[in-house]
Amino acid sequence: MAKKLFVGNLPYTMTSDQLRELFAAIGTVTDANVVIDKMNQRSRGFGFVEFEKDEDAAKAITALDGSDQGGRKMVVKEALPRPEKTV
């Protein structure tokens, strides 16, 4: 079962490929995505990484939460499910 992580406080210059590369050192990454603002096409400073194995996701949280990336203290934690939209 894949586990999705929230990654916050990213440098605004970080790309999805760089995010994938950073986390791939820990385990097999199935998806990595830096969230882009629709209005100005710039990074919003956070993203999501999905690992193939839950234990790799746990290792990533331990290894990378609080680490310095581009002068910013990165936040790594388990992603919460997206709330359902009400009409």
C-alpha atoms as a PDB file:
ATOM      1  CA  MET A   1       0.000   0.000   0.000  1.00  0.00           C
ATOM      2  CA  ALA A   2       1.415   3.377  -1.009  1.00  0.00           C
ATOM      3  CA  LYS A   3       1.691   6.136   1.547  1.00  0.00           C
ATOM      4  CA  LYS A   4       1.419   9.823   0.649  1.00  0.00           C
ATOM      5  CA  LEU A   5       3.429  12.479   2.479  1.00  0.00           C
ATOM      6  CA  PHE A   6       2.867  16.217   2.745  1.00  0.00           C
ATOM      7  CA  VAL A   7       6.075  18.209   2.259  1.00  0.00           C
ATOM      8  CA  GLY A   8       5.903  21.843   3.348  1.00  0.00           C
ATOM      9  CA  ASN A   9       8.121  24.907   3.537  1.00  0.00           C
ATOM     10  CA  LEU A  10       9.888  24.035   0.288  1.00  0.00           C
ATOM     11  CA  PRO A  11      12.110  26.528  -1.502  1.00  0.00           C
ATOM     12  CA  TYR A  12       9.993  28.269  -4.152  1.00  0.00           C
ATOM     13  CA  THR A  13      12.568  27.272  -6.776  1.00  0.00           C
ATOM     14  CA  MET A  14      12.219  23.512  -6.150  1.00  0.00           C
ATOM     15  CA  THR A  15      10.704  21.503  -8.983  1.00  0.00           C
ATOM     16  CA  SER A  16       8.759  18.237  -8.845  1.00  0.00           C
ATOM     17  CA  ASP A  17      11.774  16.425 -10.332  1.00  0.00           C
ATOM     18  CA  GLN A  18      14.064  17.805  -7.616  1.00  0.00           C
ATOM     19  CA  LEU A  19      11.547  16.790  -4.949  1.00  0.00           C
ATOM     20  CA  ARG A  20      11.399  13.257  -6.389  1.00  0.00           C
ATOM     21  CA  GLU A  21      15.204  13.058  -6.481  1.00  0.00           C
ATOM     22  CA  LEU A  22      15.505  14.174  -2.844  1.00  0.00           C
ATOM     23  CA  PHE A  23      13.096  11.498  -1.586  1.00  0.00           C
ATOM     24  CA  ALA A  24      14.249   8.741  -3.979  1.00  0.00           C
ATOM     25  CA  ALA A  25      17.439   8.431  -1.910  1.00  0.00           C
ATOM     26  CA  ILE A  26      15.263   6.876   0.825  1.00  0.00           C
ATOM     27  CA  GLY A  27      13.018   4.535  -1.160  1.00  0.00           C
ATOM     28  CA  THR A  28      10.958   3.976  -4.294  1.00  0.00           C
ATOM     29  CA  VAL A  29       8.926   7.105  -5.040  1.00  0.00           C
ATOM     30  CA  THR A  30       5.790   6.491  -7.115  1.00  0.00           C
ATOM     31  CA  ASP A  31       4.795  10.167  -7.387  1.00  0.00           C
ATOM     32  CA  ALA A  32       6.224  13.569  -6.445  1.00  0.00           C
ATOM     33  CA  ASN A  33       4.486  16.855  -7.093  1.00  0.00           C
ATOM     34  CA  VAL A  34       5.204  20.469  -6.139  1.00  0.00           C
ATOM     35  CA  VAL A  35       1.907  22.386  -6.037  1.00  0.00           C
ATOM     36  CA  ILE A  36       1.818  25.294  -8.500  1.00  0.00           C
ATOM     37  CA  ASP A  37      -0.362  28.406  -8.129  1.00  0.00           C
ATOM     38  CA  LYS A  38      -2.815  28.551 -11.048  1.00  0.00           C
ATOM     39  CA  MET A  39      -2.774  32.347 -11.212  1.00  0.00           C
ATOM     40  CA  ASN A  40       0.958  33.067 -11.450  1.00  0.00           C
ATOM     41  CA  GLN A  41       2.388  29.608 -12.295  1.00  0.00           C
ATOM     42  CA  ARG A  42       4.786  29.708  -9.303  1.00  0.00           C
ATOM     43  CA  SER A  43       5.381  27.146  -6.587  1.00  0.00           C
ATOM     44  CA  ARG A  44       3.166  27.487  -3.524  1.00  0.00           C
ATOM     45  CA  GLY A  45       6.013  26.168  -1.334  1.00  0.00           C
ATOM     46  CA  PHE A  46       4.575  22.721  -0.646  1.00  0.00           C
ATOM     47  CA  GLY A  47       4.018  19.414  -2.367  1.00  0.00           C
ATOM     48  CA  PHE A  48       3.294  15.723  -2.001  1.00  0.00           C
ATOM     49  CA  VAL A  49       5.431  12.596  -2.298  1.00  0.00           C
ATOM     50  CA  GLU A  50       4.075   9.075  -2.547  1.00  0.00           C
ATOM     51  CA  PHE A  51       6.171   6.029  -1.661  1.00  0.00           C
ATOM     52  CA  GLU A  52       5.646   2.466  -2.819  1.00  0.00           C
ATOM     53  CA  LYS A  53       6.194   1.129   0.739  1.00  0.00           C
ATOM     54  CA  ASP A  54       4.850   2.503   4.010  1.00  0.00           C
ATOM     55  CA  GLU A  55       8.138   1.820   5.791  1.00  0.00           C
ATOM     56  CA  ASP A  56      10.030   4.009   3.297  1.00  0.00           C
ATOM     57  CA  ALA A  57       7.579   6.836   3.966  1.00  0.00           C
ATOM     58  CA  ALA A  58       8.218   6.477   7.708  1.00  0.00           C
ATOM     59  CA  LYS A  59      11.985   6.601   7.087  1.00  0.00           C
ATOM     60  CA  ALA A  60      11.542   9.752   4.981  1.00  0.00           C
ATOM     61  CA  ILE A  61       9.634  11.502   7.767  1.00  0.00           C
ATOM     62  CA  THR A  62      12.359  10.641  10.274  1.00  0.00           C
ATOM     63  CA  ALA A  63      15.237  11.559   7.952  1.00  0.00           C
ATOM     64  CA  LEU A  64      13.933  14.712   6.259  1.00  0.00           C
ATOM     65  CA  ASP A  65      11.486  16.453   8.614  1.00  0.00           C
ATOM     66  CA  GLY A  66      13.225  19.602   9.846  1.00  0.00           C
ATOM     67  CA  SER A  67      16.087  19.318   7.353  1.00  0.00           C
ATOM     68  CA  ASP A  68      17.415  22.440   5.643  1.00  0.00           C
ATOM     69  CA  GLN A  69      16.524  22.774   1.952  1.00  0.00           C
ATOM     70  CA  GLY A  70      17.573  25.994   0.264  1.00  0.00           C
ATOM     71  CA  GLY A  71      17.679  27.846   3.579  1.00  0.00           C
ATOM     72  CA  ARG A  72      14.206  26.676   4.656  1.00  0.00           C
ATOM     73  CA  LYS A  73      13.361  24.119   7.343  1.00  0.00           C
ATOM     74  CA  MET A  74      11.337  21.485   5.493  1.00  0.00           C
ATOM     75  CA  VAL A  75       8.224  19.913   7.073  1.00  0.00           C
ATOM     76  CA  VAL A  76       7.504  16.269   6.220  1.00  0.00           C
ATOM     77  CA  LYS A  77       4.467  14.443   7.607  1.00  0.00           C
ATOM     78  CA  GLU A  78       1.781  12.003   6.558  1.00  0.00           C
ATOM     79  CA  ALA A  79      -0.720  13.622   4.203  1.00  0.00           C
ATOM     80  CA  LEU A  80      -4.274  13.912   5.463  1.00  0.00           C
ATOM     81  CA  PRO A  81      -7.112  12.763   3.203  1.00  0.00           C
ATOM     82  CA  ARG A  82      -8.587  15.507   1.088  1.00  0.00           C
ATOM     83  CA  PRO A  83     -11.896  16.755   2.527  1.00  0.00           C
ATOM     84  CA  GLU A  84     -14.971  16.116   0.440  1.00  0.00           C
ATOM     85  CA  LYS A  85     -16.379  19.170  -1.306  1.00  0.00           C
ATOM     86  CA  THR A  86     -19.917  20.162  -0.460  1.00  0.00           C
ATOM     87  CA  VAL A  87     -22.033  21.771  -3.117  1.00  0.00           C
END
